[in-house]
Protein backbone atom coordinates (compact mmCIF):
# COMPACT_ATOMS: atom_id res chain seq x y z
CA MET A 1 -13.02 24.39 4.92
CA GLN A 2 -9.61 23.27 6.01
CA HIS A 3 -9.05 20.61 8.84
CA ASP A 4 -12.67 20.64 10.13
CA ASP A 5 -13.02 18.21 11.78
CA THR A 6 -16.45 17.80 10.95
CA LEU A 7 -16.61 16.76 7.68
CA ALA A 8 -15.94 13.20 5.74
CA PRO A 9 -12.22 12.56 5.07
CA ALA A 10 -13.83 12.00 1.11
CA THR A 11 -14.39 15.67 1.72
CA LEU A 12 -11.04 16.41 2.60
CA ALA A 13 -9.69 14.45 -0.16
CA ALA A 14 -11.93 16.11 -2.18
CA GLN A 15 -11.19 19.67 -1.44
CA GLY A 16 -7.08 18.99 -0.80
CA LEU A 17 -8.19 19.55 2.95
CA GLY A 18 -9.87 23.30 1.63
CA ALA A 19 -6.79 24.91 1.59
CA THR A 20 -6.77 27.91 -0.51
CA PRO A 21 -2.56 29.94 -1.05
CA MET A 22 -2.24 33.49 -0.62
CA PRO A 23 -2.08 35.73 -2.69
CA HIS A 24 -4.25 34.42 -4.74
CA ARG A 25 -6.43 32.01 -3.38
CA ASP A 26 -5.54 28.70 -6.06
CA ILE A 27 -8.60 26.15 -6.10
CA VAL A 28 -5.58 24.27 -7.67
CA PRO A 29 -2.44 24.21 -5.71
CA PRO A 30 0.28 25.16 -7.30
CA ILE A 31 3.93 23.36 -8.23
CA HIS A 32 7.09 24.64 -5.60
CA LEU A 33 10.19 23.98 -7.74
CA ALA A 34 12.84 25.71 -5.32
CA THR A 35 15.75 23.69 -4.69
CA THR A 36 17.75 26.04 -1.59
CA PHE A 37 15.78 29.62 0.00
CA GLU A 38 17.31 32.60 0.93
CA ARG A 39 17.92 33.11 5.11
CA ALA A 40 17.88 37.17 6.50
CA GLU A 41 20.61 39.23 7.02
CA ASP A 42 20.86 37.53 10.81
CA GLY A 43 21.07 33.94 9.04
CA SER A 44 17.99 32.98 9.81
CA LEU A 45 15.12 31.39 8.33
CA PRO A 46 12.48 33.20 7.90
CA GLY A 47 10.68 30.39 5.57
CA GLY A 48 11.08 27.26 7.58
CA ARG A 49 13.21 26.17 4.95
CA ILE A 50 16.61 25.50 4.39
CA TYR A 51 16.64 23.08 1.19
CA ALA A 52 13.99 20.44 -0.34
CA ARG A 53 16.01 17.33 -0.03
CA ASP A 54 15.16 18.98 3.89
CA ALA A 55 11.64 19.61 3.24
CA SER A 56 10.21 21.35 0.41
CA PRO A 57 6.83 22.89 -0.23
CA ALA A 58 6.35 20.98 -2.71
CA TYR A 59 5.68 18.24 -0.65
CA ASP A 60 3.44 20.06 1.92
CA PRO A 61 -0.08 19.72 0.57
CA ALA A 62 -0.16 15.05 0.02
CA GLU A 63 1.87 15.08 3.55
CA ALA A 64 -1.43 17.72 4.99
CA LEU A 65 -3.59 15.17 3.39
CA LEU A 66 -2.39 12.29 4.12
CA CYS A 67 -1.32 12.65 7.84
CA LYS A 68 -5.15 13.94 8.38
CA LEU A 69 -6.81 11.00 6.61
CA GLU A 70 -4.52 8.63 8.27
CA GLY A 71 -5.13 10.16 11.65
CA GLY A 72 -1.41 10.81 12.36
CA ALA A 73 1.10 12.78 13.67
CA GLU A 74 3.11 13.94 11.08
CA ALA A 75 3.55 12.31 7.14
CA ALA A 76 6.41 11.99 4.99
CA LEU A 77 6.93 11.44 1.16
CA PHE A 78 9.34 9.47 -0.61
CA ALA A 79 11.34 8.92 -3.68
CA SER A 80 9.22 5.50 -3.99
CA GLY A 81 7.09 2.68 -1.85
CA MET A 82 10.27 0.93 -1.18
CA ALA A 83 12.37 3.74 -0.24
CA ALA A 84 9.97 5.00 2.41
CA ALA A 85 10.18 0.94 3.62
CA SER A 86 13.76 1.42 3.19
CA ALA A 87 13.96 4.65 5.41
CA VAL A 88 11.99 2.30 8.86
CA LEU A 89 14.63 -0.37 8.66
CA LEU A 90 17.95 2.26 7.82
CA ALA A 91 16.46 3.91 11.53
CA LEU A 92 17.18 0.90 12.70
CA LYS A 93 20.11 0.94 14.94
CA PRO A 94 22.89 -1.90 15.31
CA GLY A 95 21.37 -5.57 16.30
CA ALA A 96 17.37 -5.21 15.99
CA ARG A 97 15.47 -7.37 15.76
CA ILE A 98 12.44 -7.72 12.38
CA VAL A 99 9.41 -9.63 12.50
CA ALA A 100 8.24 -10.01 9.36
CA PRO A 101 5.18 -11.82 7.31
CA HIS A 102 6.32 -14.51 4.96
CA ASP A 103 3.50 -13.52 2.92
CA MET A 104 4.30 -9.88 1.25
CA TYR A 105 5.60 -7.54 -1.22
CA TRP A 106 7.94 -9.42 -3.01
CA SER A 107 10.73 -7.31 -3.86
CA LEU A 108 10.86 -5.63 0.01
CA ARG A 109 11.03 -9.34 0.96
CA ASN A 110 13.72 -9.88 -0.76
CA TRP A 111 15.89 -6.44 0.14
CA MET A 112 14.55 -7.29 4.04
CA ILE A 113 16.03 -10.21 3.97
CA GLY A 114 19.36 -8.56 2.08
CA PHE A 115 19.56 -6.04 3.99
CA ALA A 116 19.52 -8.20 6.92
CA ALA A 117 22.26 -10.12 6.20
CA ASN A 118 24.62 -7.96 5.24
CA TRP A 119 23.78 -5.23 8.06
CA GLN A 120 24.07 -7.75 10.78
CA ILE A 121 20.56 -7.62 11.52
CA GLY A 122 17.91 -10.28 13.13
CA LEU A 123 14.68 -11.29 11.01
CA ASP A 124 12.71 -14.26 11.67
CA PHE A 125 9.16 -14.50 9.56
CA TYR A 126 5.76 -15.88 10.60
CA ALA A 127 3.07 -17.36 8.86
CA ASP A 128 0.23 -16.39 11.27
CA SER A 129 -1.00 -14.69 14.58
CA ALA A 130 0.09 -17.67 16.47
CA GLU A 131 3.59 -18.00 15.14
CA LEU A 132 4.05 -13.91 15.98
CA ALA A 133 2.53 -14.39 18.26
CA ALA A 134 5.57 -17.15 19.81
CA LEU A 135 7.90 -14.76 17.78
CA LEU A 136 7.44 -12.22 20.32
CA GLN A 137 8.03 -14.15 23.05
CA HIS A 138 11.58 -12.68 22.50
CA PRO A 139 11.86 -8.89 22.27
CA ALA A 140 11.99 -7.60 19.03
CA ASP A 141 12.17 -3.98 17.44
CA LEU A 142 10.43 -3.61 14.25
CA VAL A 143 7.16 -5.67 13.31
CA TRP A 144 6.23 -4.92 9.85
CA VAL A 145 2.85 -6.41 8.63
CA GLU A 146 1.22 -5.99 5.57
CA THR A 147 -3.06 -6.74 5.70
CA PRO A 148 -4.13 -7.72 3.36
CA ALA A 149 -0.92 -9.93 2.13
CA ASN A 150 0.39 -9.18 -1.09
CA PRO A 151 -0.22 -11.42 -3.17
CA THR A 152 -2.84 -14.09 -1.43
CA TRP A 153 -4.76 -11.90 1.02
CA GLU A 154 -3.87 -13.45 4.42
CA ILE A 155 -5.91 -10.63 6.64
CA THR A 156 -3.86 -9.63 10.45
CA ASP A 157 -5.17 -8.76 13.17
CA ILE A 158 -3.87 -5.04 13.29
CA ALA A 159 -5.05 -4.58 17.18
CA ARG A 160 -4.21 -7.84 18.27
CA ALA A 161 -0.31 -7.44 16.12
CA THR A 162 -0.21 -3.98 18.07
CA ASP A 163 -0.09 -5.42 21.55
CA LEU A 164 2.25 -8.35 20.21
CA ALA A 165 4.55 -6.17 19.38
CA HIS A 166 4.49 -3.85 22.20
CA ALA A 167 4.40 -5.69 24.68
CA ALA A 168 7.96 -7.60 22.63
CA GLY A 169 9.03 -3.92 22.53
CA ALA A 170 9.18 -3.56 18.82
CA HIS A 171 7.39 -0.62 17.10
CA LEU A 172 4.48 -2.22 14.49
CA VAL A 173 4.78 -0.69 10.71
CA VAL A 174 1.70 -1.75 8.60
CA ASP A 175 2.12 -1.94 4.56
CA SER A 176 -1.79 -0.31 3.99
CA THR A 177 -1.21 0.01 0.24
CA VAL A 178 -4.12 -2.48 -0.89
CA PRO A 179 -6.87 -1.17 1.11
CA THR A 180 -5.48 3.13 1.81
CA PRO A 181 -7.40 5.34 4.36
CA VAL A 182 -10.58 4.44 2.61
CA PHE A 183 -10.81 0.83 4.12
CA THR A 184 -8.08 0.98 7.11
CA ARG A 185 -6.93 3.36 8.95
CA PRO A 186 -4.08 1.50 11.00
CA LEU A 187 -2.74 3.60 14.16
CA ALA A 188 -6.28 4.34 15.21
CA LEU A 189 -5.67 0.55 15.37
CA GLY A 190 -2.76 1.19 17.66
CA ALA A 191 -0.09 1.03 14.20
CA ASP A 192 3.64 3.39 15.11
CA VAL A 193 3.64 3.72 11.82
CA VAL A 194 1.71 3.66 8.01
CA MET A 195 3.08 2.97 4.96
CA HIS A 196 2.08 3.30 1.41
CA SER A 197 3.34 2.43 -2.20
CA ALA A 198 1.41 6.12 -2.76
CA THR A 199 2.48 4.66 -6.95
CA LYS A 200 -1.06 2.34 -6.75
CA TYR A 201 -3.66 3.95 -5.11
CA LEU A 202 -3.14 6.85 -3.56
CA ASN A 203 -1.69 8.21 -7.20
CA GLY A 204 -3.99 6.02 -9.00
CA HIS A 205 -3.09 6.73 -12.73
CA SER A 206 0.25 4.83 -13.02
CA ASP A 207 2.27 8.19 -14.31
CA VAL A 208 3.56 8.38 -10.57
CA VAL A 209 6.60 6.49 -8.38
CA ALA A 210 6.26 7.98 -4.77
CA GLY A 211 5.52 5.92 -1.51
CA VAL A 212 4.68 7.66 1.97
CA LEU A 213 4.60 7.00 5.58
CA VAL A 214 2.85 8.73 7.95
CA THR A 215 3.85 8.24 12.30
CA ARG A 216 1.39 8.22 15.20
CA THR A 217 3.63 9.99 17.55
CA GLU A 218 7.49 12.33 16.58
CA ASP A 219 9.14 10.12 18.65
CA ASP A 220 12.94 9.79 17.74
CA PHE A 221 12.52 6.28 15.92
CA TRP A 222 10.27 8.71 13.47
CA ALA A 223 13.22 11.96 14.11
CA ARG A 224 15.72 8.54 12.43
CA ILE A 225 13.71 7.83 9.80
CA LYS A 226 13.28 11.47 9.12
CA THR A 227 16.84 11.23 8.70
CA ALA A 228 17.14 8.45 6.76
CA ARG A 229 15.04 9.95 3.76
CA ALA A 230 17.26 13.37 3.77
CA ALA A 231 19.97 11.79 4.17
CA GLY A 232 19.73 9.65 2.05
CA GLY A 233 17.95 11.84 -0.96
CA ALA A 234 14.97 9.30 -1.52
CA VAL A 235 12.60 12.58 -2.13
CA LEU A 236 10.51 12.72 -4.55
CA GLY A 237 10.21 15.32 -6.82
CA PRO A 238 8.09 18.59 -7.19
CA PHE A 239 5.71 17.29 -9.55
CA GLU A 240 5.46 14.13 -9.15
CA ALA A 241 4.12 15.78 -5.61
CA TRP A 242 1.73 17.74 -7.12
CA LEU A 243 0.52 14.58 -9.04
CA LEU A 244 0.41 12.96 -6.46
CA ASN A 245 -1.67 15.68 -4.76
CA ARG A 246 -4.18 15.40 -7.92
CA GLY A 247 -4.76 12.16 -7.81
CA LEU A 248 -5.72 11.80 -3.65
CA ARG A 249 -8.53 14.34 -4.52
CA THR A 250 -10.40 11.18 -6.07
CA LEU A 251 -9.33 8.50 -4.26
CA PHE A 252 -12.65 8.15 -2.24
CA PRO A 253 -14.31 7.06 -5.44
CA ARG A 254 -12.01 5.24 -7.29
CA VAL A 255 -11.07 2.93 -4.39
CA ARG A 256 -14.53 2.47 -3.22
CA THR A 257 -16.32 1.92 -7.12
CA ALA A 258 -13.02 -0.67 -7.54
CA ALA A 259 -14.07 -2.30 -4.78
CA THR A 260 -17.61 -2.50 -5.36
CA SER A 261 -16.72 -4.33 -9.14
CA ALA A 262 -13.92 -6.63 -7.14
CA LEU A 263 -16.30 -7.90 -4.73
CA ARG A 264 -18.50 -8.73 -7.36
CA ILE A 265 -16.40 -10.40 -9.54
CA ALA A 266 -14.97 -12.08 -6.88
CA GLN A 267 -18.63 -13.57 -5.94
CA HIS A 268 -19.88 -13.94 -9.38
CA PHE A 269 -16.45 -16.20 -9.77
CA GLU A 270 -15.90 -17.92 -6.36
CA HIS A 271 -17.51 -21.69 -7.72
CA HIS A 272 -16.33 -21.47 -11.36
CA PRO A 273 -15.70 -24.98 -12.82
CA GLY A 274 -12.98 -23.35 -14.15
CA LEU A 275 -10.71 -22.34 -11.20
CA VAL A 276 -9.45 -23.97 -7.27
CA THR A 277 -10.58 -20.63 -5.50
CA VAL A 278 -10.85 -16.90 -5.14
CA LEU A 279 -9.03 -15.41 -3.32
CA TYR A 280 -10.62 -12.26 -1.74
CA PRO A 281 -10.88 -11.12 2.12
CA GLY A 282 -14.94 -9.92 1.30
CA LEU A 283 -16.06 -13.69 0.44
CA PRO A 284 -17.09 -15.40 3.88
CA ALA A 285 -14.88 -18.80 2.76
CA HIS A 286 -11.49 -16.35 3.14
CA PRO A 287 -10.20 -17.62 6.13
CA GLY A 288 -9.67 -13.55 7.26
CA HIS A 289 -12.94 -12.83 6.47
CA ASP A 290 -14.08 -12.25 9.95
CA ILE A 291 -11.01 -9.92 11.18
CA ALA A 292 -11.12 -7.93 7.88
CA CYS A 293 -15.01 -7.49 8.85
CA ARG A 294 -13.41 -5.21 11.98
CA GLN A 295 -10.97 -3.47 10.66
CA MET A 296 -11.67 -2.79 6.76
CA GLU A 297 -14.95 0.03 7.09
CA GLY A 298 -16.52 0.22 4.17
CA GLY A 299 -15.58 -2.35 1.77
CA PHE A 300 -12.86 -5.35 1.01
CA GLY A 301 -10.01 -3.46 -1.07
CA ALA A 302 -9.98 -4.13 -5.68
CA MET A 303 -7.81 -6.32 -5.45
CA LEU A 304 -7.63 -10.33 -5.22
CA SER A 305 -6.54 -13.72 -6.78
CA LEU A 306 -7.94 -16.73 -8.75
CA ARG A 307 -6.50 -19.94 -8.82
CA VAL A 308 -6.92 -21.47 -12.26
CA LYS A 309 -7.68 -25.35 -12.67
CA GLY A 310 -4.96 -26.88 -15.16
CA GLY A 311 -1.84 -24.98 -12.88
CA GLU A 312 1.07 -23.17 -14.37
CA ALA A 313 0.02 -23.41 -18.04
CA ALA A 314 -2.79 -22.46 -17.45
CA ALA A 315 -2.97 -19.76 -16.02
CA ARG A 316 -0.77 -17.92 -18.23
CA GLN A 317 -3.30 -18.94 -21.04
CA VAL A 318 -5.90 -17.74 -19.13
CA ALA A 319 -3.32 -14.15 -18.68
CA GLY A 320 -3.27 -14.44 -22.42
CA ALA A 321 -6.49 -14.22 -23.15
CA ALA A 322 -7.87 -11.69 -21.36
CA ARG A 323 -8.73 -8.37 -23.49
CA ILE A 324 -10.10 -5.80 -21.20
CA PHE A 325 -7.82 -6.54 -18.08
CA ARG A 326 -4.01 -5.19 -18.79
CA ARG A 327 -0.98 -7.58 -18.43
CA ALA A 328 1.01 -5.43 -16.20
CA THR A 329 2.82 -5.65 -12.81
CA SER A 330 1.67 -2.54 -10.03
CA LEU A 331 -2.37 -2.46 -9.06
CA GLY A 332 -4.80 0.42 -7.60
CA SER A 333 -5.12 2.87 -10.86
CA VAL A 334 -7.65 3.48 -13.07
CA GLU A 335 -7.32 0.41 -15.64
CA SER A 336 -7.33 -3.15 -14.13
CA LEU A 337 -5.24 -5.28 -13.81
CA ILE A 338 -3.87 -9.12 -14.47
CA GLU A 339 -0.55 -10.50 -14.04
CA HIS A 340 0.47 -14.23 -13.68
CA ARG A 341 2.63 -13.45 -10.29
CA GLY A 342 4.56 -16.42 -9.17
CA PRO A 343 7.11 -16.35 -12.36
CA ILE A 344 7.41 -12.69 -12.14
CA GLU A 345 8.03 -13.34 -9.03
CA GLY A 346 10.62 -15.83 -10.14
CA PRO A 347 12.56 -18.59 -8.05
CA GLY A 348 12.30 -18.89 -4.77
CA THR A 349 8.72 -17.32 -4.87
CA ARG A 350 5.97 -18.62 -2.26
CA CYS A 351 2.96 -18.05 -4.76
CA PRO A 352 1.26 -20.90 -6.17
CA LEU A 353 1.62 -20.77 -9.92
CA ASP A 354 -1.54 -21.24 -10.93
CA LEU A 355 -2.56 -17.88 -9.43
CA LEU A 356 -3.07 -14.92 -11.76
CA ARG A 357 -3.18 -11.46 -9.46
CA ILE A 358 -6.33 -9.18 -10.40
CA SER A 359 -6.50 -5.28 -9.50
CA VAL A 360 -9.97 -4.58 -10.20
CA GLY A 361 -9.63 -0.93 -11.79
CA ILE A 362 -13.11 1.77 -12.63
CA GLU A 363 -14.09 0.15 -15.84
CA ASP A 364 -17.74 -1.04 -16.39
CA THR A 365 -17.97 -4.53 -13.90
CA ALA A 366 -20.13 -6.74 -16.02
CA ASP A 367 -17.24 -6.00 -19.15
CA LEU A 368 -14.42 -7.00 -16.89
CA ILE A 369 -16.67 -10.08 -15.82
CA THR A 370 -17.82 -11.08 -19.48
CA ASP A 371 -13.65 -10.46 -20.27
CA LEU A 372 -12.35 -12.99 -17.49
CA GLU A 373 -15.34 -15.91 -18.22
CA GLN A 374 -14.25 -15.58 -22.30
CA ALA A 375 -10.55 -16.11 -21.00
CA LEU A 376 -11.12 -19.26 -18.88
CA GLN A 377 -13.33 -20.25 -21.69
CA ALA A 378 -10.74 -20.18 -24.05
CA ALA A 379 -7.95 -21.52 -21.51
CA ALA A 380 -10.59 -24.22 -21.03
CA PRO A 381 -9.62 -27.78 -22.49
CA ALA A 382 -11.11 -28.87 -25.14
CA PRO A 383 -14.13 -31.38 -24.44
CA THR A 384 -12.78 -35.56 -25.05
CA LEU A 385 -15.90 -36.75 -28.08
């Protein structure tokens, strides 16, 4: 079955591309712990490996599967999503210019600002497609896209952004952590590199920190990214790589189940009297819904945000009253999480302080709706007599 293009991606993921390593034909791949590899007597490398930091057989199964799912030429695992994103920035040349969204993963946005200032890299932020087009009237080297964008879930048209980026001479990199290849394949829409915090949906069990990049072509930019990984040493341990590969086998049923539940939750609370609004691209009222329908196939992801009437204090009360939703940072695992996001990001955040970020897991949907209902009721002001 290995690399059979007639099979659905869900089948390829469930069977790990169908690989059965010799000589034992293991259904579950073994863990490769070796850090160094023996040369032949003539100094050659018959095994094709020198040192695990450059290329470990522990990475092969997950990299091969992710490359296949994303439709790329090559994939590279990293020690975290931040390490993967950092390698992209470190691959830029002196004097480069980055164009990135105002609303994106907060830690990366802050790191990007510091990196640009320290290394004399140009950095401009865009709020929407019109601003992106205006900024790309001038040459650029890297355009960063995150869609849906954390934590307000704006949608960027990847194909349109690709055309603009390439016309400006830039590579387009898409953070596709939230939709995963289950719902969006940015490389097929023209992107040059797709990035995932594999800590989230790809692993899916809150027990691995990892990142991955997949490239559409093995060009000079990709070579510099690979050099940044090897030289910087931001590599994944073999056990973590094995756990990630195990998590990938259930990627499709996990993500589809969670996204189906997220849509039902968003629809249920869309007009709730205790909320200002529900932010979810699967709702027709969402400003990016039409674009999401074009580039997200089969679902809209499992992330949504609720803006609570009563402001910051009310949002904090709702989060505190949750019983099934766990109050924790991160997203994309089997358990549902709720987070009062603005205070977590701290000073300078663009996140509305009445916003609760929700990662929907695979619990029973009715239980999750009941929990949010009781939490909103617990935080509702007492009626005046």
